[in-house]
Amino acid sequence: MVEKNTDTYVRSLISKNLKRFRALQKISQLDLGLKAGLTHNFINDIENCKKGLSVKTIAKLCVALRIEPHELFLPENMTNNKTQIFLNEINNSIYKAVQEVTSQYLQGNGN
């Protein structure tokens, strides 16, 4: 196992996350490259841990994938937990809003 916080570890995280986000959006390396203004060969090199990334390249990839930059650096289990927490918050907000509207509607019809 690669020691955390090394160059190799960070490249590995970015590589796995880039592949995962690309797969979730069902886009090819070529499509991602076109959206980000990069070549598909460069995307392939990133995904295979052969190339490092500049901040500018990270920004391009994040814009193309519609993700926040920090998401490329999170281990997959943390990203999944974060996503689940976010979805739970949305569900709770929707539930509360529906309850409020329903309550107001019922009070309005009762008069």
PDB file of N, CA and C in Angstrom:
ATOM      1  N   MET A   1       0.841  -1.188   0.000  1.00  0.00           N
ATOM      2  CA  MET A   1       0.000   0.000   0.000  1.00  0.00           C
ATOM      3  C   MET A   1       0.883   1.248   0.000  1.00  0.00           C
ATOM      4  N   VAL A   2       0.425   2.238  -0.717  1.00  0.00           N
ATOM      5  CA  VAL A   2       1.159   3.492  -0.820  1.00  0.00           C
ATOM      6  C   VAL A   2       0.876   4.328   0.419  1.00  0.00           C
ATOM      7  N   GLU A   3       1.932   4.919   0.981  1.00  0.00           N
ATOM      8  CA  GLU A   3       1.765   5.777   2.154  1.00  0.00           C
ATOM      9  C   GLU A   3       0.948   7.003   1.777  1.00  0.00           C
ATOM     10  N   LYS A   4      -0.011   7.344   2.646  1.00  0.00           N
ATOM     11  CA  LYS A   4      -0.874   8.497   2.379  1.00  0.00           C
ATOM     12  C   LYS A   4      -0.056   9.776   2.310  1.00  0.00           C
ATOM     13  N   ASN A   5      -0.589  10.734   1.569  1.00  0.00           N
ATOM     14  CA  ASN A   5      -0.002  12.065   1.420  1.00  0.00           C
ATOM     15  C   ASN A   5       1.308  12.082   0.653  1.00  0.00           C
ATOM     16  N   THR A   6       1.582  11.046  -0.086  1.00  0.00           N
ATOM     17  CA  THR A   6       2.726  11.069  -0.988  1.00  0.00           C
ATOM     18  C   THR A   6       2.218  11.446  -2.375  1.00  0.00           C
ATOM     19  N   ASP A   7       3.115  11.813  -3.237  1.00  0.00           N
ATOM     20  CA  ASP A   7       2.757  12.153  -4.618  1.00  0.00           C
ATOM     21  C   ASP A   7       2.022  10.990  -5.282  1.00  0.00           C
ATOM     22  N   THR A   8       2.515   9.779  -5.072  1.00  0.00           N
ATOM     23  CA  THR A   8       1.904   8.598  -5.690  1.00  0.00           C
ATOM     24  C   THR A   8       0.487   8.378  -5.168  1.00  0.00           C
ATOM     25  N   TYR A   9       0.291   8.567  -3.877  1.00  0.00           N
ATOM     26  CA  TYR A   9      -1.029   8.399  -3.272  1.00  0.00           C
ATOM     27  C   TYR A   9      -2.011   9.426  -3.834  1.00  0.00           C
ATOM     28  N   VAL A  10      -1.590  10.679  -3.918  1.00  0.00           N
ATOM     29  CA  VAL A  10      -2.471  11.733  -4.423  1.00  0.00           C
ATOM     30  C   VAL A  10      -2.799  11.495  -5.894  1.00  0.00           C
ATOM     31  N   ARG A  11      -1.830  11.109  -6.676  1.00  0.00           N
ATOM     32  CA  ARG A  11      -2.094  10.797  -8.090  1.00  0.00           C
ATOM     33  C   ARG A  11      -3.074   9.640  -8.207  1.00  0.00           C
ATOM     34  N   SER A  12      -2.923   8.652  -7.337  1.00  0.00           N
ATOM     35  CA  SER A  12      -3.824   7.503  -7.346  1.00  0.00           C
ATOM     36  C   SER A  12      -5.253   7.921  -7.008  1.00  0.00           C
ATOM     37  N   LEU A  13      -5.416   8.782  -6.011  1.00  0.00           N
ATOM     38  CA  LEU A  13      -6.749   9.279  -5.653  1.00  0.00           C
ATOM     39  C   LEU A  13      -7.385  10.011  -6.832  1.00  0.00           C
ATOM     40  N   ILE A  14      -6.621  10.908  -7.417  1.00  0.00           N
ATOM     41  CA  ILE A  14      -7.140  11.691  -8.548  1.00  0.00           C
ATOM     42  C   ILE A  14      -7.501  10.762  -9.695  1.00  0.00           C
ATOM     43  N   SER A  15      -6.643   9.807  -9.970  1.00  0.00           N
ATOM     44  CA  SER A  15      -6.884   8.859 -11.046  1.00  0.00           C
ATOM     45  C   SER A  15      -8.191   8.100 -10.847  1.00  0.00           C
ATOM     46  N   LYS A  16      -8.360   7.522  -9.667  1.00  0.00           N
ATOM     47  CA  LYS A  16      -9.574   6.750  -9.377  1.00  0.00           C
ATOM     48  C   LYS A  16     -10.817   7.621  -9.430  1.00  0.00           C
ATOM     49  N   ASN A  17     -10.726   8.810  -8.858  1.00  0.00           N
ATOM     50  CA  ASN A  17     -11.892   9.696  -8.840  1.00  0.00           C
ATOM     51  C   ASN A  17     -12.236  10.211 -10.232  1.00  0.00           C
ATOM     52  N   LEU A  18     -11.236  10.526 -11.013  1.00  0.00           N
ATOM     53  CA  LEU A  18     -11.483  10.981 -12.378  1.00  0.00           C
ATOM     54  C   LEU A  18     -12.207   9.895 -13.165  1.00  0.00           C
ATOM     55  N   LYS A  19     -11.723   8.665 -13.074  1.00  0.00           N
ATOM     56  CA  LYS A  19     -12.382   7.534 -13.754  1.00  0.00           C
ATOM     57  C   LYS A  19     -13.818   7.371 -13.263  1.00  0.00           C
ATOM     58  N   ARG A  20     -14.000   7.455 -11.947  1.00  0.00           N
ATOM     59  CA  ARG A  20     -15.319   7.242 -11.360  1.00  0.00           C
ATOM     60  C   ARG A  20     -16.304   8.321 -11.795  1.00  0.00           C
ATOM     61  N   PHE A  21     -15.902   9.586 -11.704  1.00  0.00           N
ATOM     62  CA  PHE A  21     -16.804  10.667 -12.106  1.00  0.00           C
ATOM     63  C   PHE A  21     -17.101  10.606 -13.606  1.00  0.00           C
ATOM     64  N   ARG A  22     -16.106  10.242 -14.380  1.00  0.00           N
ATOM     65  CA  ARG A  22     -16.317  10.117 -15.825  1.00  0.00           C
ATOM     66  C   ARG A  22     -17.307   8.986 -16.107  1.00  0.00           C
ATOM     67  N   ALA A  23     -17.149   7.862 -15.406  1.00  0.00           N
ATOM     68  CA  ALA A  23     -18.046   6.720 -15.585  1.00  0.00           C
ATOM     69  C   ALA A  23     -19.475   7.063 -15.132  1.00  0.00           C
ATOM     70  N   LEU A  24     -19.586   7.774 -14.024  1.00  0.00           N
ATOM     71  CA  LEU A  24     -20.912   8.171 -13.534  1.00  0.00           C
ATOM     72  C   LEU A  24     -21.651   9.026 -14.559  1.00  0.00           C
ATOM     73  N   GLN A  25     -20.906   9.837 -15.286  1.00  0.00           N
ATOM     74  CA  GLN A  25     -21.517  10.708 -16.290  1.00  0.00           C
ATOM     75  C   GLN A  25     -21.576  10.047 -17.664  1.00  0.00           C
ATOM     76  N   LYS A  26     -21.051   8.826 -17.724  1.00  0.00           N
ATOM     77  CA  LYS A  26     -21.079   8.033 -18.961  1.00  0.00           C
ATOM     78  C   LYS A  26     -20.462   8.785 -20.141  1.00  0.00           C
ATOM     79  N   ILE A  27     -19.272   9.354 -19.880  1.00  0.00           N
ATOM     80  CA  ILE A  27     -18.555  10.021 -20.961  1.00  0.00           C
ATOM     81  C   ILE A  27     -17.196   9.354 -21.154  1.00  0.00           C
ATOM     82  N   SER A  28     -16.739   9.373 -22.365  1.00  0.00           N
ATOM     83  CA  SER A  28     -15.455   8.759 -22.702  1.00  0.00           C
ATOM     84  C   SER A  28     -14.305   9.702 -22.359  1.00  0.00           C
ATOM     85  N   GLN A  29     -13.110   9.180 -22.441  1.00  0.00           N
ATOM     86  CA  GLN A  29     -11.928  10.025 -22.244  1.00  0.00           C
ATOM     87  C   GLN A  29     -11.887  11.106 -23.318  1.00  0.00           C
ATOM     88  N   LEU A  30     -12.276  10.742 -24.515  1.00  0.00           N
ATOM     89  CA  LEU A  30     -12.298  11.714 -25.615  1.00  0.00           C
ATOM     90  C   LEU A  30     -13.293  12.838 -25.324  1.00  0.00           C
ATOM     91  N   ASP A  31     -14.506  12.471 -24.872  1.00  0.00           N
ATOM     92  CA  ASP A  31     -15.517  13.481 -24.556  1.00  0.00           C
ATOM     93  C   ASP A  31     -15.063  14.392 -23.420  1.00  0.00           C
ATOM     94  N   LEU A  32     -14.467  13.801 -22.385  1.00  0.00           N
ATOM     95  CA  LEU A  32     -13.971  14.614 -21.275  1.00  0.00           C
ATOM     96  C   LEU A  32     -12.871  15.544 -21.760  1.00  0.00           C
ATOM     97  N   GLY A  33     -11.985  15.019 -22.577  1.00  0.00           N
ATOM     98  CA  GLY A  33     -10.910  15.843 -23.128  1.00  0.00           C
ATOM     99  C   GLY A  33     -11.455  17.034 -23.918  1.00  0.00           C
ATOM    100  N   LEU A  34     -12.466  16.779 -24.731  1.00  0.00           N
ATOM    101  CA  LEU A  34     -13.064  17.862 -25.517  1.00  0.00           C
ATOM    102  C   LEU A  34     -13.713  18.902 -24.611  1.00  0.00           C
ATOM    103  N   LYS A  35     -14.437  18.445 -23.586  1.00  0.00           N
ATOM    104  CA  LYS A  35     -15.089  19.380 -22.660  1.00  0.00           C
ATOM    105  C   LYS A  35     -14.077  20.201 -21.870  1.00  0.00           C
ATOM    106  N   ALA A  36     -12.943  19.570 -21.527  1.00  0.00           N
ATOM    107  CA  ALA A  36     -11.945  20.232 -20.685  1.00  0.00           C
ATOM    108  C   ALA A  36     -10.856  20.942 -21.489  1.00  0.00           C
ATOM    109  N   GLY A  37     -10.861  20.773 -22.793  1.00  0.00           N
ATOM    110  CA  GLY A  37      -9.817  21.385 -23.608  1.00  0.00           C
ATOM    111  C   GLY A  37      -8.481  20.662 -23.473  1.00  0.00           C
ATOM    112  N   LEU A  38      -8.554  19.342 -23.269  1.00  0.00           N
ATOM    113  CA  LEU A  38      -7.363  18.508 -23.120  1.00  0.00           C
ATOM    114  C   LEU A  38      -7.448  17.354 -24.111  1.00  0.00           C
ATOM    115  N   THR A  39      -6.330  16.717 -24.377  1.00  0.00           N
ATOM    116  CA  THR A  39      -6.369  15.572 -25.287  1.00  0.00           C
ATOM    117  C   THR A  39      -6.818  14.326 -24.542  1.00  0.00           C
ATOM    118  N   HIS A  40      -7.405  13.395 -25.301  1.00  0.00           N
ATOM    119  CA  HIS A  40      -7.811  12.135 -24.664  1.00  0.00           C
ATOM    120  C   HIS A  40      -6.590  11.348 -24.185  1.00  0.00           C
ATOM    121  N   ASN A  41      -5.458  11.538 -24.855  1.00  0.00           N
ATOM    122  CA  ASN A  41      -4.227  10.869 -24.408  1.00  0.00           C
ATOM    123  C   ASN A  41      -3.793  11.387 -23.038  1.00  0.00           C
ATOM    124  N   PHE A  42      -3.958  12.684 -22.810  1.00  0.00           N
ATOM    125  CA  PHE A  42      -3.606  13.270 -21.524  1.00  0.00           C
ATOM    126  C   PHE A  42      -4.548  12.753 -20.439  1.00  0.00           C
ATOM    127  N   ILE A  43      -5.847  12.662 -20.751  1.00  0.00           N
ATOM    128  CA  ILE A  43      -6.822  12.112 -19.804  1.00  0.00           C
ATOM    129  C   ILE A  43      -6.426  10.678 -19.457  1.00  0.00           C
ATOM    130  N   ASN A  44      -6.046   9.908 -20.464  1.00  0.00           N
ATOM    131  CA  ASN A  44      -5.619   8.530 -20.241  1.00  0.00           C
ATOM    132  C   ASN A  44      -4.389   8.473 -19.343  1.00  0.00           C
ATOM    133  N   ASP A  45      -3.429   9.346 -19.580  1.00  0.00           N
ATOM    134  CA  ASP A  45      -2.213   9.385 -18.756  1.00  0.00           C
ATOM    135  C   ASP A  45      -2.534   9.749 -17.299  1.00  0.00           C
ATOM    136  N   ILE A  46      -3.474  10.656 -17.102  1.00  0.00           N
ATOM    137  CA  ILE A  46      -3.877  11.020 -15.741  1.00  0.00           C
ATOM    138  C   ILE A  46      -4.517   9.810 -15.065  1.00  0.00           C
ATOM    139  N   GLU A  47      -5.430   9.169 -15.777  1.00  0.00           N
ATOM    140  CA  GLU A  47      -6.143   8.029 -15.205  1.00  0.00           C
ATOM    141  C   GLU A  47      -5.226   6.830 -14.943  1.00  0.00           C
ATOM    142  N   ASN A  48      -4.097   6.794 -15.594  1.00  0.00           N
ATOM    143  CA  ASN A  48      -3.136   5.714 -15.375  1.00  0.00           C
ATOM    144  C   ASN A  48      -1.937   6.161 -14.536  1.00  0.00           C
ATOM    145  N   CYS A  49      -2.114   7.269 -13.851  1.00  0.00           N
ATOM    146  CA  CYS A  49      -1.096   7.814 -12.930  1.00  0.00           C
ATOM    147  C   CYS A  49       0.245   8.112 -13.599  1.00  0.00           C
ATOM    148  N   LYS A  50       0.219   8.401 -14.872  1.00  0.00           N
ATOM    149  CA  LYS A  50       1.459   8.704 -15.585  1.00  0.00           C
ATOM    150  C   LYS A  50       1.774  10.192 -15.611  1.00  0.00           C
ATOM    151  N   LYS A  51       0.761  11.020 -15.368  1.00  0.00           N
ATOM    152  CA  LYS A  51       0.947  12.476 -15.413  1.00  0.00           C
ATOM    153  C   LYS A  51       0.408  13.110 -14.144  1.00  0.00           C
ATOM    154  N   GLY A  52       1.106  14.146 -13.712  1.00  0.00           N
ATOM    155  CA  GLY A  52       0.613  14.957 -12.614  1.00  0.00           C
ATOM    156  C   GLY A  52      -0.274  16.056 -13.165  1.00  0.00           C
ATOM    157  N   LEU A  53      -0.893  16.794 -12.279  1.00  0.00           N
ATOM    158  CA  LEU A  53      -1.822  17.831 -12.706  1.00  0.00           C
ATOM    159  C   LEU A  53      -1.456  19.184 -12.134  1.00  0.00           C
ATOM    160  N   SER A  54      -1.637  20.203 -12.932  1.00  0.00           N
ATOM    161  CA  SER A  54      -1.504  21.568 -12.439  1.00  0.00           C
ATOM    162  C   SER A  54      -2.862  22.000 -11.885  1.00  0.00           C
ATOM    163  N   VAL A  55      -2.867  23.076 -11.163  1.00  0.00           N
ATOM    164  CA  VAL A  55      -4.126  23.626 -10.644  1.00  0.00           C
ATOM    165  C   VAL A  55      -5.034  23.991 -11.817  1.00  0.00           C
ATOM    166  N   LYS A  56      -4.465  24.526 -12.857  1.00  0.00           N
ATOM    167  CA  LYS A  56      -5.236  24.916 -14.045  1.00  0.00           C
ATOM    168  C   LYS A  56      -5.930  23.702 -14.660  1.00  0.00           C
ATOM    169  N   THR A  57      -5.217  22.580 -14.745  1.00  0.00           N
ATOM    170  CA  THR A  57      -5.791  21.363 -15.321  1.00  0.00           C
ATOM    171  C   THR A  57      -6.881  20.803 -14.409  1.00  0.00           C
ATOM    172  N   ILE A  58      -6.652  20.840 -13.108  1.00  0.00           N
ATOM    173  CA  ILE A  58      -7.676  20.383 -12.164  1.00  0.00           C
ATOM    174  C   ILE A  58      -8.942  21.214 -12.344  1.00  0.00           C
ATOM    175  N   ALA A  59      -8.770  22.522 -12.475  1.00  0.00           N
ATOM    176  CA  ALA A  59      -9.921  23.411 -12.665  1.00  0.00           C
ATOM    177  C   ALA A  59     -10.673  23.060 -13.954  1.00  0.00           C
ATOM    178  N   LYS A  60      -9.955  22.827 -15.030  1.00  0.00           N
ATOM    179  CA  LYS A  60     -10.590  22.465 -16.303  1.00  0.00           C
ATOM    180  C   LYS A  60     -11.390  21.176 -16.167  1.00  0.00           C
ATOM    181  N   LEU A  61     -10.796  20.179 -15.514  1.00  0.00           N
ATOM    182  CA  LEU A  61     -11.478  18.897 -15.339  1.00  0.00           C
ATOM    183  C   LEU A  61     -12.729  19.043 -14.476  1.00  0.00           C
ATOM    184  N   CYS A  62     -12.620  19.842 -13.424  1.00  0.00           N
ATOM    185  CA  CYS A  62     -13.762  20.023 -12.518  1.00  0.00           C
ATOM    186  C   CYS A  62     -14.907  20.754 -13.205  1.00  0.00           C
ATOM    187  N   VAL A  63     -14.590  21.741 -14.007  1.00  0.00           N
ATOM    188  CA  VAL A  63     -15.632  22.445 -14.761  1.00  0.00           C
ATOM    189  C   VAL A  63     -16.292  21.472 -15.735  1.00  0.00           C
ATOM    190  N   ALA A  64     -15.486  20.689 -16.442  1.00  0.00           N
ATOM    191  CA  ALA A  64     -16.020  19.746 -17.424  1.00  0.00           C
ATOM    192  C   ALA A  64     -16.887  18.672 -16.768  1.00  0.00           C
ATOM    193  N   LEU A  65     -16.509  18.237 -15.569  1.00  0.00           N
ATOM    194  CA  LEU A  65     -17.257  17.184 -14.865  1.00  0.00           C
ATOM    195  C   LEU A  65     -18.340  17.742 -13.946  1.00  0.00           C
ATOM    196  N   ARG A  66     -18.379  19.084 -13.790  1.00  0.00           N
ATOM    197  CA  ARG A  66     -19.341  19.736 -12.901  1.00  0.00           C
ATOM    198  C   ARG A  66     -19.213  19.202 -11.463  1.00  0.00           C
ATOM    199  N   ILE A  67     -17.980  19.195 -10.975  1.00  0.00           N
ATOM    200  CA  ILE A  67     -17.701  18.778  -9.606  1.00  0.00           C
ATOM    201  C   ILE A  67     -16.843  19.841  -8.934  1.00  0.00           C
ATOM    202  N   GLU A  68     -16.764  19.778  -7.625  1.00  0.00           N
ATOM    203  CA  GLU A  68     -15.897  20.665  -6.864  1.00  0.00           C
ATOM    204  C   GLU A  68     -14.485  20.084  -6.844  1.00  0.00           C
ATOM    205  N   PRO A  69     -13.457  20.924  -6.882  1.00  0.00           N
ATOM    206  CA  PRO A  69     -12.080  20.412  -6.924  1.00  0.00           C
ATOM    207  C   PRO A  69     -11.730  19.434  -5.806  1.00  0.00           C
ATOM    208  N   HIS A  70     -12.220  19.686  -4.602  1.00  0.00           N
ATOM    209  CA  HIS A  70     -11.860  18.801  -3.494  1.00  0.00           C
ATOM    210  C   HIS A  70     -12.349  17.370  -3.707  1.00  0.00           C
ATOM    211  N   GLU A  71     -13.365  17.192  -4.544  1.00  0.00           N
ATOM    212  CA  GLU A  71     -13.901  15.850  -4.775  1.00  0.00           C
ATOM    213  C   GLU A  71     -12.886  14.932  -5.457  1.00  0.00           C
ATOM    214  N   LEU A  72     -11.946  15.501  -6.179  1.00  0.00           N
ATOM    215  CA  LEU A  72     -10.908  14.677  -6.813  1.00  0.00           C
ATOM    216  C   LEU A  72      -9.913  14.122  -5.789  1.00  0.00           C
ATOM    217  N   PHE A  73      -9.866  14.713  -4.610  1.00  0.00           N
ATOM    218  CA  PHE A  73      -8.875  14.342  -3.605  1.00  0.00           C
ATOM    219  C   PHE A  73      -9.436  13.480  -2.476  1.00  0.00           C
ATOM    220  N   LEU A  74     -10.746  13.240  -2.494  1.00  0.00           N
ATOM    221  CA  LEU A  74     -11.355  12.460  -1.425  1.00  0.00           C
ATOM    222  C   LEU A  74     -11.342  10.971  -1.745  1.00  0.00           C
ATOM    223  N   PRO A  75     -11.022  10.144  -0.765  1.00  0.00           N
ATOM    224  CA  PRO A  75     -11.171   8.702  -0.981  1.00  0.00           C
ATOM    225  C   PRO A  75     -12.632   8.399  -1.311  1.00  0.00           C
ATOM    226  N   GLU A  76     -12.872   7.375  -2.104  1.00  0.00           N
ATOM    227  CA  GLU A  76     -14.216   7.075  -2.598  1.00  0.00           C
ATOM    228  C   GLU A  76     -15.229   6.923  -1.468  1.00  0.00           C
ATOM    229  N   ASN A  77     -14.855   6.262  -0.383  1.00  0.00           N
ATOM    230  CA  ASN A  77     -15.815   6.075   0.700  1.00  0.00           C
ATOM    231  C   ASN A  77     -16.221   7.406   1.333  1.00  0.00           C
ATOM    232  N   MET A  78     -15.328   8.381   1.369  1.00  0.00           N
ATOM    233  CA  MET A  78     -15.674   9.695   1.909  1.00  0.00           C
ATOM    234  C   MET A  78     -16.600  10.434   0.956  1.00  0.00           C
ATOM    235  N   THR A  79     -16.369  10.299  -0.319  1.00  0.00           N
ATOM    236  CA  THR A  79     -17.223  10.946  -1.306  1.00  0.00           C
ATOM    237  C   THR A  79     -18.618  10.356  -1.230  1.00  0.00           C
ATOM    238  N   ASN A  80     -18.705   9.034  -1.126  1.00  0.00           N
ATOM    239  CA  ASN A  80     -20.021   8.402  -1.035  1.00  0.00           C
ATOM    240  C   ASN A  80     -20.759   8.839   0.218  1.00  0.00           C
ATOM    241  N   ASN A  81     -20.053   8.912   1.359  1.00  0.00           N
ATOM    242  CA  ASN A  81     -20.687   9.367   2.591  1.00  0.00           C
ATOM    243  C   ASN A  81     -21.157  10.805   2.444  1.00  0.00           C
ATOM    244  N   LYS A  82     -20.312  11.639   1.860  1.00  0.00           N
ATOM    245  CA  LYS A  82     -20.659  13.044   1.660  1.00  0.00           C
ATOM    246  C   LYS A  82     -21.895  13.153   0.774  1.00  0.00           C
ATOM    247  N   THR A  83     -21.930  12.359  -0.274  1.00  0.00           N
ATOM    248  CA  THR A  83     -23.070  12.375  -1.182  1.00  0.00           C
ATOM    249  C   THR A  83     -24.334  11.926  -0.454  1.00  0.00           C
ATOM    250  N   GLN A  84     -24.216  10.882   0.351  1.00  0.00           N
ATOM    251  CA  GLN A  84     -25.376  10.385   1.079  1.00  0.00           C
ATOM    252  C   GLN A  84     -25.881  11.422   2.077  1.00  0.00           C
ATOM    253  N   ILE A  85     -24.980  12.088   2.771  1.00  0.00           N
ATOM    254  CA  ILE A  85     -25.377  13.141   3.703  1.00  0.00           C
ATOM    255  C   ILE A  85     -26.107  14.253   2.963  1.00  0.00           C
ATOM    256  N   PHE A  86     -25.569  14.649   1.816  1.00  0.00           N
ATOM    257  CA  PHE A  86     -26.184  15.684   1.004  1.00  0.00           C
ATOM    258  C   PHE A  86     -27.584  15.275   0.565  1.00  0.00           C
ATOM    259  N   LEU A  87     -27.732  14.038   0.096  1.00  0.00           N
ATOM    260  CA  LEU A  87     -29.044  13.559  -0.341  1.00  0.00           C
ATOM    261  C   LEU A  87     -30.029  13.493   0.826  1.00  0.00           C
ATOM    262  N   ASN A  88     -29.555  13.075   1.986  1.00  0.00           N
ATOM    263  CA  ASN A  88     -30.420  13.047   3.168  1.00  0.00           C
ATOM    264  C   ASN A  88     -30.899  14.449   3.532  1.00  0.00           C
ATOM    265  N   GLU A  89     -30.002  15.432   3.455  1.00  0.00           N
ATOM    266  CA  GLU A  89     -30.385  16.813   3.741  1.00  0.00           C
ATOM    267  C   GLU A  89     -31.430  17.312   2.751  1.00  0.00           C
ATOM    268  N   ILE A  90     -31.261  16.975   1.485  1.00  0.00           N
ATOM    269  CA  ILE A  90     -32.240  17.369   0.466  1.00  0.00           C
ATOM    270  C   ILE A  90     -33.580  16.714   0.759  1.00  0.00           C
ATOM    271  N   ASN A  91     -33.559  15.415   1.061  1.00  0.00           N
ATOM    272  CA  ASN A  91     -34.804  14.709   1.372  1.00  0.00           C
ATOM    273  C   ASN A  91     -35.510  15.338   2.565  1.00  0.00           C
ATOM    274  N   ASN A  92     -34.753  15.655   3.614  1.00  0.00           N
ATOM    275  CA  ASN A  92     -35.343  16.281   4.794  1.00  0.00           C
ATOM    276  C   ASN A  92     -35.935  17.643   4.468  1.00  0.00           C
ATOM    277  N   SER A  93     -35.235  18.426   3.660  1.00  0.00           N
ATOM    278  CA  SER A  93     -35.731  19.753   3.267  1.00  0.00           C
ATOM    279  C   SER A  93     -37.015  19.638   2.457  1.00  0.00           C
ATOM    280  N   ILE A  94     -37.046  18.686   1.538  1.00  0.00           N
ATOM    281  CA  ILE A  94     -38.254  18.486   0.724  1.00  0.00           C
ATOM    282  C   ILE A  94     -39.417  18.041   1.605  1.00  0.00           C
ATOM    283  N   TYR A  95     -39.152  17.113   2.502  1.00  0.00           N
ATOM    284  CA  TYR A  95     -40.189  16.617   3.410  1.00  0.00           C
ATOM    285  C   TYR A  95     -40.771  17.757   4.239  1.00  0.00           C
ATOM    286  N   LYS A  96     -39.899  18.599   4.806  1.00  0.00           N
ATOM    287  CA  LYS A  96     -40.365  19.731   5.622  1.00  0.00           C
ATOM    288  C   LYS A  96     -41.171  20.720   4.776  1.00  0.00           C
ATOM    289  N   ALA A  97     -40.711  20.992   3.564  1.00  0.00           N
ATOM    290  CA  ALA A  97     -41.418  21.929   2.690  1.00  0.00           C
ATOM    291  C   ALA A  97     -42.799  21.383   2.319  1.00  0.00           C
ATOM    292  N   VAL A  98     -42.884  20.104   2.022  1.00  0.00           N
ATOM    293  CA  VAL A  98     -44.174  19.497   1.684  1.00  0.00           C
ATOM    294  C   VAL A  98     -45.106  19.553   2.883  1.00  0.00           C
ATOM    295  N   GLN A  99     -44.578  19.261   4.071  1.00  0.00           N
ATOM    296  CA  GLN A  99     -45.400  19.334   5.281  1.00  0.00           C
ATOM    297  C   GLN A  99     -45.932  20.746   5.507  1.00  0.00           C
ATOM    298  N   GLU A 100     -45.065  21.724   5.308  1.00  0.00           N
ATOM    299  CA  GLU A 100     -45.462  23.119   5.522  1.00  0.00           C
ATOM    300  C   GLU A 100     -46.537  23.541   4.529  1.00  0.00           C
ATOM    301  N   VAL A 101     -46.345  23.229   3.270  1.00  0.00           N
ATOM    302  CA  VAL A 101     -47.316  23.598   2.239  1.00  0.00           C
ATOM    303  C   VAL A 101     -48.625  22.869   2.486  1.00  0.00           C
ATOM    304  N   THR A 102     -48.547  21.590   2.818  1.00  0.00           N
ATOM    305  CA  THR A 102     -49.750  20.807   3.092  1.00  0.00           C
ATOM    306  C   THR A 102     -50.507  21.394   4.274  1.00  0.00           C
ATOM    307  N   SER A 103     -49.769  21.749   5.331  1.00  0.00           N
ATOM    308  CA  SER A 103     -50.391  22.333   6.519  1.00  0.00           C
ATOM    309  C   SER A 103     -51.071  23.658   6.180  1.00  0.00           C
ATOM    310  N   GLN A 104     -50.398  24.493   5.425  1.00  0.00           N
ATOM    311  CA  GLN A 104     -50.972  25.793   5.037  1.00  0.00           C
ATOM    312  C   GLN A 104     -52.208  25.591   4.154  1.00  0.00           C
ATOM    313  N   TYR A 105     -52.131  24.647   3.253  1.00  0.00           N
ATOM    314  CA  TYR A 105     -53.247  24.366   2.354  1.00  0.00           C
ATOM    315  C   TYR A 105     -54.452  23.879   3.150  1.00  0.00           C
ATOM    316  N   LEU A 106     -54.222  22.949   4.081  1.00  0.00           N
ATOM    317  CA  LEU A 106     -55.320  22.406   4.876  1.00  0.00           C
ATOM    318  C   LEU A 106     -55.940  23.475   5.774  1.00  0.00           C
ATOM    319  N   GLN A 107     -55.101  24.349   6.333  1.00  0.00           N
ATOM    320  CA  GLN A 107     -55.615  25.437   7.164  1.00  0.00           C
ATOM    321  C   GLN A 107     -56.427  26.411   6.331  1.00  0.00           C
ATOM    322  N   GLY A 108     -55.987  26.657   5.123  1.00  0.00           N
ATOM    323  CA  GLY A 108     -56.696  27.581   4.228  1.00  0.00           C
ATOM    324  C   GLY A 108     -58.038  27.035   3.805  1.00  0.00           C
ATOM    325  N   ASN A 109     -58.130  25.723   3.594  1.00  0.00           N
ATOM    326  CA  ASN A 109     -59.391  25.110   3.175  1.00  0.00           C
ATOM    327  C   ASN A 109     -60.353  24.924   4.336  1.00  0.00           C
ATOM    328  N   GLY A 110     -59.819  24.914   5.560  1.00  0.00           N
ATOM    329  CA  GLY A 110     -60.664  24.702   6.732  1.00  0.00           C
ATOM    330  C   GLY A 110     -61.472  25.924   7.108  1.00  0.00           C
ATOM    331  N   ASN A 111     -61.111  27.084   6.598  1.00  0.00           N
ATOM    332  CA  ASN A 111     -61.823  28.336   6.949  1.00  0.00           C
ATOM    333  C   ASN A 111     -63.018  28.573   6.079  1.00  0.00           C
TER     334      ASN A 111
END
